Amino acid sequence: MTPLTRDELKRMNEEQHEDFVLINVLPPDAFNKAHIRTSVNVPVDDAGFVERVEKVAGRKDRKVVVYCASFDCDASEQATDKLEAGGFTAVYDYEGGTQDWFEQRETA
């Protein structure tokens, strides 16, 4: 697992247009309240989490970026552990999550 900062994710998503999938790992109600544009919701607590991410990503060697609510939330860390144990080889964790993304966007 590789941690990502908000600026690194922004570059990947908006400037470099890298091939990756952005996964919000929170429950659907949290995703519906606020999420990063282009992200897909696959809750880490769902049965078949790894299989669902593989279906979204298309393959286990594709870059996958996961995020949750904030630096204090550990759902993205749980997700990276599950994905790496499931054979994913390029897993990134945007640890700041939704809170960091929108706080930074407001001041940018």
PDB file of N, CA and C in Angstrom:
ATOM      1  N   MET A   1       0.839  -1.183   0.000  1.00  0.00           N
ATOM      2  CA  MET A   1       0.000   0.000   0.000  1.00  0.00           C
ATOM      3  C   MET A   1       0.880   1.241   0.000  1.00  0.00           C
ATOM      4  N   THR A   2       0.483   2.179  -0.823  1.00  0.00           N
ATOM      5  CA  THR A   2       1.193   3.441  -0.906  1.00  0.00           C
ATOM      6  C   THR A   2       0.242   4.567  -0.506  1.00  0.00           C
ATOM      7  N   PRO A   3       0.619   5.377   0.479  1.00  0.00           N
ATOM      8  CA  PRO A   3      -0.248   6.506   0.833  1.00  0.00           C
ATOM      9  C   PRO A   3      -0.170   7.599  -0.236  1.00  0.00           C
ATOM     10  N   LEU A   4      -1.290   8.286  -0.424  1.00  0.00           N
ATOM     11  CA  LEU A   4      -1.351   9.392  -1.377  1.00  0.00           C
ATOM     12  C   LEU A   4      -1.799  10.661  -0.653  1.00  0.00           C
ATOM     13  N   THR A   5      -1.258  11.784  -1.073  1.00  0.00           N
ATOM     14  CA  THR A   5      -1.741  13.069  -0.583  1.00  0.00           C
ATOM     15  C   THR A   5      -2.839  13.563  -1.515  1.00  0.00           C
ATOM     16  N   ARG A   6      -3.537  14.587  -1.073  1.00  0.00           N
ATOM     17  CA  ARG A   6      -4.576  15.181  -1.895  1.00  0.00           C
ATOM     18  C   ARG A   6      -3.992  15.691  -3.211  1.00  0.00           C
ATOM     19  N   ASP A   7      -2.820  16.354  -3.150  1.00  0.00           N
ATOM     20  CA  ASP A   7      -2.213  16.891  -4.366  1.00  0.00           C
ATOM     21  C   ASP A   7      -1.814  15.790  -5.335  1.00  0.00           C
ATOM     22  N   GLU A   8      -1.306  14.679  -4.810  1.00  0.00           N
ATOM     23  CA  GLU A   8      -0.942  13.558  -5.686  1.00  0.00           C
ATOM     24  C   GLU A   8      -2.178  12.985  -6.371  1.00  0.00           C
ATOM     25  N   LEU A   9      -3.265  12.815  -5.611  1.00  0.00           N
ATOM     26  CA  LEU A   9      -4.500  12.301  -6.204  1.00  0.00           C
ATOM     27  C   LEU A   9      -5.047  13.278  -7.234  1.00  0.00           C
ATOM     28  N   LYS A  10      -4.997  14.551  -6.934  1.00  0.00           N
ATOM     29  CA  LYS A  10      -5.480  15.554  -7.885  1.00  0.00           C
ATOM     30  C   LYS A  10      -4.692  15.471  -9.188  1.00  0.00           C
ATOM     31  N   ARG A  11      -3.381  15.365  -9.094  1.00  0.00           N
ATOM     32  CA  ARG A  11      -2.553  15.245 -10.300  1.00  0.00           C
ATOM     33  C   ARG A  11      -2.920  13.998 -11.094  1.00  0.00           C
ATOM     34  N   MET A  12      -3.060  12.877 -10.397  1.00  0.00           N
ATOM     35  CA  MET A  12      -3.414  11.618 -11.080  1.00  0.00           C
ATOM     36  C   MET A  12      -4.755  11.740 -11.787  1.00  0.00           C
ATOM     37  N   ASN A  13      -5.709  12.364 -11.129  1.00  0.00           N
ATOM     38  CA  ASN A  13      -7.092  12.399 -11.593  1.00  0.00           C
ATOM     39  C   ASN A  13      -7.339  13.492 -12.632  1.00  0.00           C
ATOM     40  N   GLU A  14      -6.785  14.664 -12.406  1.00  0.00           N
ATOM     41  CA  GLU A  14      -7.155  15.811 -13.216  1.00  0.00           C
ATOM     42  C   GLU A  14      -6.092  16.261 -14.199  1.00  0.00           C
ATOM     43  N   GLU A  15      -4.837  15.946 -13.935  1.00  0.00           N
ATOM     44  CA  GLU A  15      -3.779  16.451 -14.801  1.00  0.00           C
ATOM     45  C   GLU A  15      -3.124  15.352 -15.642  1.00  0.00           C
ATOM     46  N   GLN A  16      -2.807  14.240 -15.005  1.00  0.00           N
ATOM     47  CA  GLN A  16      -2.114  13.172 -15.714  1.00  0.00           C
ATOM     48  C   GLN A  16      -3.064  12.168 -16.342  1.00  0.00           C
ATOM     49  N   HIS A  17      -4.302  12.180 -15.923  1.00  0.00           N
ATOM     50  CA  HIS A  17      -5.323  11.254 -16.430  1.00  0.00           C
ATOM     51  C   HIS A  17      -4.810   9.813 -16.416  1.00  0.00           C
ATOM     52  N   GLU A  18      -4.245   9.422 -15.280  1.00  0.00           N
ATOM     53  CA  GLU A  18      -3.721   8.060 -15.136  1.00  0.00           C
ATOM     54  C   GLU A  18      -4.847   7.041 -15.172  1.00  0.00           C
ATOM     55  N   ASP A  19      -4.486   5.827 -15.539  1.00  0.00           N
ATOM     56  CA  ASP A  19      -5.446   4.724 -15.546  1.00  0.00           C
ATOM     57  C   ASP A  19      -5.511   4.132 -14.143  1.00  0.00           C
ATOM     58  N   PHE A  20      -6.557   4.494 -13.422  1.00  0.00           N
ATOM     59  CA  PHE A  20      -6.775   3.943 -12.094  1.00  0.00           C
ATOM     60  C   PHE A  20      -8.253   4.010 -11.779  1.00  0.00           C
ATOM     61  N   VAL A  21      -8.638   3.265 -10.767  1.00  0.00           N
ATOM     62  CA  VAL A  21     -10.020   3.318 -10.296  1.00  0.00           C
ATOM     63  C   VAL A  21     -10.002   3.870  -8.879  1.00  0.00           C
ATOM     64  N   LEU A  22     -10.928   4.790  -8.600  1.00  0.00           N
ATOM     65  CA  LEU A  22     -11.024   5.454  -7.303  1.00  0.00           C
ATOM     66  C   LEU A  22     -12.223   4.880  -6.567  1.00  0.00           C
ATOM     67  N   ILE A  23     -11.955   4.266  -5.406  1.00  0.00           N
ATOM     68  CA  ILE A  23     -12.987   3.551  -4.657  1.00  0.00           C
ATOM     69  C   ILE A  23     -13.243   4.233  -3.311  1.00  0.00           C
ATOM     70  N   ASN A  24     -14.493   4.625  -3.088  1.00  0.00           N
ATOM     71  CA  ASN A  24     -14.940   5.095  -1.784  1.00  0.00           C
ATOM     72  C   ASN A  24     -15.401   3.857  -1.036  1.00  0.00           C
ATOM     73  N   VAL A  25     -14.796   3.579   0.125  1.00  0.00           N
ATOM     74  CA  VAL A  25     -15.054   2.322   0.836  1.00  0.00           C
ATOM     75  C   VAL A  25     -16.041   2.474   1.993  1.00  0.00           C
ATOM     76  N   LEU A  26     -16.729   3.602   2.061  1.00  0.00           N
ATOM     77  CA  LEU A  26     -17.702   3.859   3.123  1.00  0.00           C
ATOM     78  C   LEU A  26     -19.070   3.275   2.783  1.00  0.00           C
ATOM     79  N   PRO A  27     -19.966   3.188   3.759  1.00  0.00           N
ATOM     80  CA  PRO A  27     -21.327   2.731   3.478  1.00  0.00           C
ATOM     81  C   PRO A  27     -22.029   3.671   2.486  1.00  0.00           C
ATOM     82  N   PRO A  28     -23.040   3.168   1.775  1.00  0.00           N
ATOM     83  CA  PRO A  28     -23.722   3.975   0.755  1.00  0.00           C
ATOM     84  C   PRO A  28     -24.267   5.306   1.262  1.00  0.00           C
ATOM     85  N   ASP A  29     -24.784   5.364   2.478  1.00  0.00           N
ATOM     86  CA  ASP A  29     -25.342   6.632   2.966  1.00  0.00           C
ATOM     87  C   ASP A  29     -24.256   7.703   3.088  1.00  0.00           C
ATOM     88  N   ALA A  30     -23.058   7.335   3.518  1.00  0.00           N
ATOM     89  CA  ALA A  30     -21.945   8.284   3.600  1.00  0.00           C
ATOM     90  C   ALA A  30     -21.492   8.694   2.196  1.00  0.00           C
ATOM     91  N   PHE A  31     -21.435   7.741   1.275  1.00  0.00           N
ATOM     92  CA  PHE A  31     -21.070   8.034  -0.114  1.00  0.00           C
ATOM     93  C   PHE A  31     -22.060   9.018  -0.726  1.00  0.00           C
ATOM     94  N   ASN A  32     -23.350   8.803  -0.482  1.00  0.00           N
ATOM     95  CA  ASN A  32     -24.378   9.666  -1.068  1.00  0.00           C
ATOM     96  C   ASN A  32     -24.330  11.085  -0.511  1.00  0.00           C
ATOM     97  N   LYS A  33     -23.845  11.258   0.713  1.00  0.00           N
ATOM     98  CA  LYS A  33     -23.734  12.604   1.297  1.00  0.00           C
ATOM     99  C   LYS A  33     -22.615  13.399   0.653  1.00  0.00           C
ATOM    100  N   ALA A  34     -21.472  12.750   0.433  1.00  0.00           N
ATOM    101  CA  ALA A  34     -20.323  13.441  -0.159  1.00  0.00           C
ATOM    102  C   ALA A  34     -19.322  12.411  -0.664  1.00  0.00           C
ATOM    103  N   HIS A  35     -18.844  12.619  -1.870  1.00  0.00           N
ATOM    104  CA  HIS A  35     -17.795  11.753  -2.424  1.00  0.00           C
ATOM    105  C   HIS A  35     -17.017  12.512  -3.496  1.00  0.00           C
ATOM    106  N   ILE A  36     -15.849  12.007  -3.776  1.00  0.00           N
ATOM    107  CA  ILE A  36     -15.002  12.605  -4.800  1.00  0.00           C
ATOM    108  C   ILE A  36     -15.553  12.210  -6.169  1.00  0.00           C
ATOM    109  N   ARG A  37     -15.688  13.210  -7.026  1.00  0.00           N
ATOM    110  CA  ARG A  37     -16.170  12.957  -8.383  1.00  0.00           C
ATOM    111  C   ARG A  37     -15.296  11.881  -9.036  1.00  0.00           C
ATOM    112  N   THR A  38     -15.855  11.026  -9.761  1.00  0.00           N
ATOM    113  CA  THR A  38     -15.244   9.879 -10.462  1.00  0.00           C
ATOM    114  C   THR A  38     -15.086   8.648  -9.582  1.00  0.00           C
ATOM    115  N   SER A  39     -15.413   8.748  -8.293  1.00  0.00           N
ATOM    116  CA  SER A  39     -15.245   7.566  -7.440  1.00  0.00           C
ATOM    117  C   SER A  39     -16.454   6.649  -7.519  1.00  0.00           C
ATOM    118  N   VAL A  40     -16.205   5.375  -7.212  1.00  0.00           N
ATOM    119  CA  VAL A  40     -17.211   4.328  -7.187  1.00  0.00           C
ATOM    120  C   VAL A  40     -17.332   3.862  -5.742  1.00  0.00           C
ATOM    121  N   ASN A  41     -18.541   3.554  -5.318  1.00  0.00           N
ATOM    122  CA  ASN A  41     -18.751   3.126  -3.941  1.00  0.00           C
ATOM    123  C   ASN A  41     -18.748   1.603  -3.845  1.00  0.00           C
ATOM    124  N   VAL A  42     -17.756   1.073  -3.116  1.00  0.00           N
ATOM    125  CA  VAL A  42     -17.693  -0.346  -2.791  1.00  0.00           C
ATOM    126  C   VAL A  42     -17.358  -0.417  -1.305  1.00  0.00           C
ATOM    127  N   PRO A  43     -18.377  -0.552  -0.451  1.00  0.00           N
ATOM    128  CA  PRO A  43     -18.134  -0.547   0.994  1.00  0.00           C
ATOM    129  C   PRO A  43     -17.225  -1.692   1.450  1.00  0.00           C
ATOM    130  N   VAL A  44     -16.240  -1.352   2.258  1.00  0.00           N
ATOM    131  CA  VAL A  44     -15.261  -2.331   2.722  1.00  0.00           C
ATOM    132  C   VAL A  44     -15.914  -3.425   3.558  1.00  0.00           C
ATOM    133  N   ASP A  45     -17.028  -3.126   4.214  1.00  0.00           N
ATOM    134  CA  ASP A  45     -17.695  -4.112   5.061  1.00  0.00           C
ATOM    135  C   ASP A  45     -18.599  -5.073   4.295  1.00  0.00           C
ATOM    136  N   ASP A  46     -18.809  -4.831   3.015  1.00  0.00           N
ATOM    137  CA  ASP A  46     -19.664  -5.719   2.226  1.00  0.00           C
ATOM    138  C   ASP A  46     -19.005  -7.075   2.004  1.00  0.00           C
ATOM    139  N   ALA A  47     -19.812  -8.111   2.024  1.00  0.00           N
ATOM    140  CA  ALA A  47     -19.311  -9.436   1.651  1.00  0.00           C
ATOM    141  C   ALA A  47     -18.873  -9.363   0.189  1.00  0.00           C
ATOM    142  N   GLY A  48     -17.785  -9.999  -0.125  1.00  0.00           N
ATOM    143  CA  GLY A  48     -17.306  -9.980  -1.503  1.00  0.00           C
ATOM    144  C   GLY A  48     -16.645  -8.680  -1.910  1.00  0.00           C
ATOM    145  N   PHE A  49     -16.131  -7.931  -0.939  1.00  0.00           N
ATOM    146  CA  PHE A  49     -15.493  -6.646  -1.235  1.00  0.00           C
ATOM    147  C   PHE A  49     -14.402  -6.776  -2.294  1.00  0.00           C
ATOM    148  N   VAL A  50     -13.483  -7.708  -2.104  1.00  0.00           N
ATOM    149  CA  VAL A  50     -12.358  -7.866  -3.028  1.00  0.00           C
ATOM    150  C   VAL A  50     -12.857  -8.217  -4.428  1.00  0.00           C
ATOM    151  N   GLU A  51     -13.825  -9.105  -4.510  1.00  0.00           N
ATOM    152  CA  GLU A  51     -14.373  -9.506  -5.803  1.00  0.00           C
ATOM    153  C   GLU A  51     -15.072  -8.343  -6.494  1.00  0.00           C
ATOM    154  N   ARG A  52     -15.781  -7.532  -5.730  1.00  0.00           N
ATOM    155  CA  ARG A  52     -16.460  -6.365  -6.320  1.00  0.00           C
ATOM    156  C   ARG A  52     -15.449  -5.353  -6.840  1.00  0.00           C
ATOM    157  N   VAL A  53     -14.374  -5.131  -6.106  1.00  0.00           N
ATOM    158  CA  VAL A  53     -13.341  -4.207  -6.574  1.00  0.00           C
ATOM    159  C   VAL A  53     -12.689  -4.758  -7.839  1.00  0.00           C
ATOM    160  N   GLU A  54     -12.453  -6.054  -7.873  1.00  0.00           N
ATOM    161  CA  GLU A  54     -11.854  -6.649  -9.076  1.00  0.00           C
ATOM    162  C   GLU A  54     -12.778  -6.460 -10.280  1.00  0.00           C
ATOM    163  N   LYS A  55     -14.064  -6.591 -10.069  1.00  0.00           N
ATOM    164  CA  LYS A  55     -15.022  -6.403 -11.162  1.00  0.00           C
ATOM    165  C   LYS A  55     -14.976  -4.953 -11.662  1.00  0.00           C
ATOM    166  N   VAL A  56     -14.908  -4.003 -10.734  1.00  0.00           N
ATOM    167  CA  VAL A  56     -14.841  -2.586 -11.104  1.00  0.00           C
ATOM    168  C   VAL A  56     -13.508  -2.269 -11.789  1.00  0.00           C
ATOM    169  N   ALA A  57     -12.414  -2.782 -11.234  1.00  0.00           N
ATOM    170  CA  ALA A  57     -11.077  -2.485 -11.758  1.00  0.00           C
ATOM    171  C   ALA A  57     -10.778  -3.224 -13.057  1.00  0.00           C
ATOM    172  N   GLY A  58     -11.360  -4.405 -13.205  1.00  0.00           N
ATOM    173  CA  GLY A  58     -11.113  -5.193 -14.414  1.00  0.00           C
ATOM    174  C   GLY A  58      -9.980  -6.183 -14.290  1.00  0.00           C
ATOM    175  N   ARG A  59      -9.027  -5.874 -13.415  1.00  0.00           N
ATOM    176  CA  ARG A  59      -7.896  -6.786 -13.210  1.00  0.00           C
ATOM    177  C   ARG A  59      -7.164  -6.376 -11.933  1.00  0.00           C
ATOM    178  N   LYS A  60      -6.444  -7.326 -11.358  1.00  0.00           N
ATOM    179  CA  LYS A  60      -5.797  -7.080 -10.067  1.00  0.00           C
ATOM    180  C   LYS A  60      -4.500  -6.290 -10.157  1.00  0.00           C
ATOM    181  N   ASP A  61      -3.970  -6.083 -11.341  1.00  0.00           N
ATOM    182  CA  ASP A  61      -2.752  -5.287 -11.449  1.00  0.00           C
ATOM    183  C   ASP A  61      -3.035  -3.834 -11.842  1.00  0.00           C
ATOM    184  N   ARG A  62      -4.305  -3.470 -11.971  1.00  0.00           N
ATOM    185  CA  ARG A  62      -4.653  -2.078 -12.258  1.00  0.00           C
ATOM    186  C   ARG A  62      -4.525  -1.262 -10.970  1.00  0.00           C
ATOM    187  N   LYS A  63      -4.119  -0.018 -11.103  1.00  0.00           N
ATOM    188  CA  LYS A  63      -3.961   0.863  -9.948  1.00  0.00           C
ATOM    189  C   LYS A  63      -5.328   1.131  -9.317  1.00  0.00           C
ATOM    190  N   VAL A  64      -5.418   0.905  -8.002  1.00  0.00           N
ATOM    191  CA  VAL A  64      -6.644   1.127  -7.242  1.00  0.00           C
ATOM    192  C   VAL A  64      -6.327   2.099  -6.109  1.00  0.00           C
ATOM    193  N   VAL A  65      -7.097   3.193  -6.050  1.00  0.00           N
ATOM    194  CA  VAL A  65      -6.964   4.168  -4.971  1.00  0.00           C
ATOM    195  C   VAL A  65      -8.224   4.064  -4.119  1.00  0.00           C
ATOM    196  N   VAL A  66      -8.042   3.838  -2.820  1.00  0.00           N
ATOM    197  CA  VAL A  66      -9.178   3.764  -1.907  1.00  0.00           C
ATOM    198  C   VAL A  66      -9.141   4.969  -0.970  1.00  0.00           C
ATOM    199  N   TYR A  67     -10.336   5.357  -0.511  1.00  0.00           N
ATOM    200  CA  TYR A  67     -10.419   6.422   0.479  1.00  0.00           C
ATOM    201  C   TYR A  67     -11.674   6.246   1.313  1.00  0.00           C
ATOM    202  N   CYS A  68     -11.666   6.899   2.480  1.00  0.00           N
ATOM    203  CA  CYS A  68     -12.841   6.860   3.361  1.00  0.00           C
ATOM    204  C   CYS A  68     -13.174   8.284   3.783  1.00  0.00           C
ATOM    205  N   ALA A  69     -13.511   8.502   5.052  1.00  0.00           N
ATOM    206  CA  ALA A  69     -14.042   9.797   5.478  1.00  0.00           C
ATOM    207  C   ALA A  69     -12.972  10.830   5.809  1.00  0.00           C
ATOM    208  N   SER A  70     -11.883  10.400   6.489  1.00  0.00           N
ATOM    209  CA  SER A  70     -10.915  11.371   6.995  1.00  0.00           C
ATOM    210  C   SER A  70      -9.656  10.645   7.477  1.00  0.00           C
ATOM    211  N   PHE A  71      -8.691  11.427   7.935  1.00  0.00           N
ATOM    212  CA  PHE A  71      -7.477  10.835   8.505  1.00  0.00           C
ATOM    213  C   PHE A  71      -7.804   9.945   9.706  1.00  0.00           C
ATOM    214  N   ASP A  72      -8.888  10.247  10.422  1.00  0.00           N
ATOM    215  CA  ASP A  72      -9.253   9.484  11.618  1.00  0.00           C
ATOM    216  C   ASP A  72      -9.997   8.189  11.307  1.00  0.00           C
ATOM    217  N   CYS A  73     -10.428   8.020  10.096  1.00  0.00           N
ATOM    218  CA  CYS A  73     -11.185   6.834   9.674  1.00  0.00           C
ATOM    219  C   CYS A  73     -10.200   5.742   9.250  1.00  0.00           C
ATOM    220  N   ASP A  74     -10.451   4.507   9.666  1.00  0.00           N
ATOM    221  CA  ASP A  74      -9.531   3.425   9.286  1.00  0.00           C
ATOM    222  C   ASP A  74     -10.100   2.495   8.214  1.00  0.00           C
ATOM    223  N   ALA A  75     -11.223   2.855   7.622  1.00  0.00           N
ATOM    224  CA  ALA A  75     -11.840   1.983   6.613  1.00  0.00           C
ATOM    225  C   ALA A  75     -10.958   1.812   5.375  1.00  0.00           C
ATOM    226  N   SER A  76     -10.265   2.864   4.962  1.00  0.00           N
ATOM    227  CA  SER A  76      -9.404   2.724   3.780  1.00  0.00           C
ATOM    228  C   SER A  76      -8.207   1.832   4.087  1.00  0.00           C
ATOM    229  N   GLU A  77      -7.705   1.891   5.322  1.00  0.00           N
ATOM    230  CA  GLU A  77      -6.608   0.992   5.705  1.00  0.00           C
ATOM    231  C   GLU A  77      -7.082  -0.461   5.699  1.00  0.00           C
ATOM    232  N   GLN A  78      -8.291  -0.713   6.203  1.00  0.00           N
ATOM    233  CA  GLN A  78      -8.865  -2.062   6.139  1.00  0.00           C
ATOM    234  C   GLN A  78      -8.995  -2.522   4.690  1.00  0.00           C
ATOM    235  N   ALA A  79      -9.417  -1.606   3.829  1.00  0.00           N
ATOM    236  CA  ALA A  79      -9.599  -1.936   2.409  1.00  0.00           C
ATOM    237  C   ALA A  79      -8.271  -2.295   1.752  1.00  0.00           C
ATOM    238  N   THR A  80      -7.214  -1.526   2.037  1.00  0.00           N
ATOM    239  CA  THR A  80      -5.923  -1.846   1.425  1.00  0.00           C
ATOM    240  C   THR A  80      -5.430  -3.210   1.887  1.00  0.00           C
ATOM    241  N   ASP A  81      -5.625  -3.506   3.168  1.00  0.00           N
ATOM    242  CA  ASP A  81      -5.211  -4.821   3.683  1.00  0.00           C
ATOM    243  C   ASP A  81      -5.953  -5.948   2.954  1.00  0.00           C
ATOM    244  N   LYS A  82      -7.261  -5.794   2.798  1.00  0.00           N
ATOM    245  CA  LYS A  82      -8.054  -6.826   2.111  1.00  0.00           C
ATOM    246  C   LYS A  82      -7.643  -6.973   0.650  1.00  0.00           C
ATOM    247  N   LEU A  83      -7.433  -5.849  -0.019  1.00  0.00           N
ATOM    248  CA  LEU A  83      -7.074  -5.905  -1.443  1.00  0.00           C
ATOM    249  C   LEU A  83      -5.703  -6.527  -1.652  1.00  0.00           C
ATOM    250  N   GLU A  84      -4.735  -6.145  -0.833  1.00  0.00           N
ATOM    251  CA  GLU A  84      -3.406  -6.742  -0.971  1.00  0.00           C
ATOM    252  C   GLU A  84      -3.433  -8.227  -0.649  1.00  0.00           C
ATOM    253  N   ALA A  85      -4.184  -8.619   0.370  1.00  0.00           N
ATOM    254  CA  ALA A  85      -4.322 -10.044   0.693  1.00  0.00           C
ATOM    255  C   ALA A  85      -5.031 -10.787  -0.434  1.00  0.00           C
ATOM    256  N   GLY A  86      -5.883 -10.077  -1.164  1.00  0.00           N
ATOM    257  CA  GLY A  86      -6.619 -10.667  -2.278  1.00  0.00           C
ATOM    258  C   GLY A  86      -5.854 -10.677  -3.590  1.00  0.00           C
ATOM    259  N   GLY A  87      -4.612 -10.193  -3.587  1.00  0.00           N
ATOM    260  CA  GLY A  87      -3.776 -10.284  -4.774  1.00  0.00           C
ATOM    261  C   GLY A  87      -3.630  -9.017  -5.591  1.00  0.00           C
ATOM    262  N   PHE A  88      -4.195  -7.900  -5.147  1.00  0.00           N
ATOM    263  CA  PHE A  88      -4.006  -6.646  -5.871  1.00  0.00           C
ATOM    264  C   PHE A  88      -2.576  -6.172  -5.669  1.00  0.00           C
ATOM    265  N   THR A  89      -1.971  -5.643  -6.737  1.00  0.00           N
ATOM    266  CA  THR A  89      -0.547  -5.310  -6.688  1.00  0.00           C
ATOM    267  C   THR A  89      -0.255  -3.810  -6.695  1.00  0.00           C
ATOM    268  N   ALA A  90      -1.251  -2.974  -6.945  1.00  0.00           N
ATOM    269  CA  ALA A  90      -1.023  -1.529  -7.010  1.00  0.00           C
ATOM    270  C   ALA A  90      -2.134  -0.821  -6.236  1.00  0.00           C
ATOM    271  N   VAL A  91      -2.021  -0.852  -4.901  1.00  0.00           N
ATOM    272  CA  VAL A  91      -3.063  -0.299  -4.037  1.00  0.00           C
ATOM    273  C   VAL A  91      -2.540   0.977  -3.370  1.00  0.00           C
ATOM    274  N   TYR A  92      -3.338   2.029  -3.467  1.00  0.00           N
ATOM    275  CA  TYR A  92      -2.994   3.326  -2.905  1.00  0.00           C
ATOM    276  C   TYR A  92      -4.089   3.758  -1.944  1.00  0.00           C
ATOM    277  N   ASP A  93      -3.687   4.457  -0.876  1.00  0.00           N
ATOM    278  CA  ASP A  93      -4.633   4.906   0.136  1.00  0.00           C
ATOM    279  C   ASP A  93      -4.579   6.427   0.232  1.00  0.00           C
ATOM    280  N   TYR A  94      -5.683   7.072  -0.165  1.00  0.00           N
ATOM    281  CA  TYR A  94      -5.810   8.517   0.060  1.00  0.00           C
ATOM    282  C   TYR A  94      -6.353   8.669   1.472  1.00  0.00           C
ATOM    283  N   GLU A  95      -5.425   8.817   2.423  1.00  0.00           N
ATOM    284  CA  GLU A  95      -5.751   8.758   3.840  1.00  0.00           C
ATOM    285  C   GLU A  95      -6.604   9.924   4.321  1.00  0.00           C
ATOM    286  N   GLY A  96      -6.525  11.074   3.676  1.00  0.00           N
ATOM    287  CA  GLY A  96      -7.302  12.237   4.097  1.00  0.00           C
ATOM    288  C   GLY A  96      -8.784  12.102   3.808  1.00  0.00           C
ATOM    289  N   GLY A  97      -9.110  11.337   2.800  1.00  0.00           N
ATOM    290  CA  GLY A  97     -10.494  11.036   2.479  1.00  0.00           C
ATOM    291  C   GLY A  97     -11.343  12.232   2.092  1.00  0.00           C
ATOM    292  N   THR A  98     -12.642  12.020   2.189  1.00  0.00           N
ATOM    293  CA  THR A  98     -13.619  13.022   1.767  1.00  0.00           C
ATOM    294  C   THR A  98     -13.418  14.353   2.486  1.00  0.00           C
ATOM    295  N   GLN A  99     -13.195  14.301   3.791  1.00  0.00           N
ATOM    296  CA  GLN A  99     -13.045  15.541   4.561  1.00  0.00           C
ATOM    297  C   GLN A  99     -11.873  16.369   4.044  1.00  0.00           C
ATOM    298  N   ASP A 100     -10.722  15.754   3.877  1.00  0.00           N
ATOM    299  CA  ASP A 100      -9.536  16.461   3.394  1.00  0.00           C
ATOM    300  C   ASP A 100      -9.763  16.995   1.984  1.00  0.00           C
ATOM    301  N   TRP A 101     -10.365  16.195   1.130  1.00  0.00           N
ATOM    302  CA  TRP A 101     -10.589  16.587  -0.259  1.00  0.00           C
ATOM    303  C   TRP A 101     -11.424  17.870  -0.329  1.00  0.00           C
ATOM    304  N   PHE A 102     -12.546  17.899   0.389  1.00  0.00           N
ATOM    305  CA  PHE A 102     -13.426  19.055   0.309  1.00  0.00           C
ATOM    306  C   PHE A 102     -12.917  20.253   1.099  1.00  0.00           C
ATOM    307  N   GLU A 103     -12.207  20.036   2.198  1.00  0.00           N
ATOM    308  CA  GLU A 103     -11.591  21.159   2.916  1.00  0.00           C
ATOM    309  C   GLU A 103     -10.545  21.826   2.042  1.00  0.00           C
ATOM    310  N   GLN A 104      -9.741  21.059   1.381  1.00  0.00           N
ATOM    311  CA  GLN A 104      -8.699  21.602   0.524  1.00  0.00           C
ATOM    312  C   GLN A 104      -9.293  22.284  -0.704  1.00  0.00           C
ATOM    313  N   ARG A 105     -10.347  21.731  -1.263  1.00  0.00           N
ATOM    314  CA  ARG A 105     -10.982  22.306  -2.455  1.00  0.00           C
ATOM    315  C   ARG A 105     -11.536  23.692  -2.128  1.00  0.00           C
ATOM    316  N   GLU A 106     -12.060  23.867  -0.905  1.00  0.00           N
ATOM    317  CA  GLU A 106     -12.638  25.146  -0.524  1.00  0.00           C
ATOM    318  C   GLU A 106     -11.583  26.233  -0.368  1.00  0.00           C
ATOM    319  N   THR A 107     -10.351  25.844  -0.001  1.00  0.00           N
ATOM    320  CA  THR A 107      -9.302  26.836   0.192  1.00  0.00           C
ATOM    321  C   THR A 107      -8.428  27.008  -1.035  1.00  0.00           C
ATOM    322  N   ALA A 108      -8.610  26.136  -2.023  1.00  0.00           N
ATOM    323  CA  ALA A 108      -7.761  26.206  -3.236  1.00  0.00           C
ATOM    324  C   ALA A 108      -8.237  27.292  -4.179  1.00  0.00           C
TER     325      ALA A 108
END
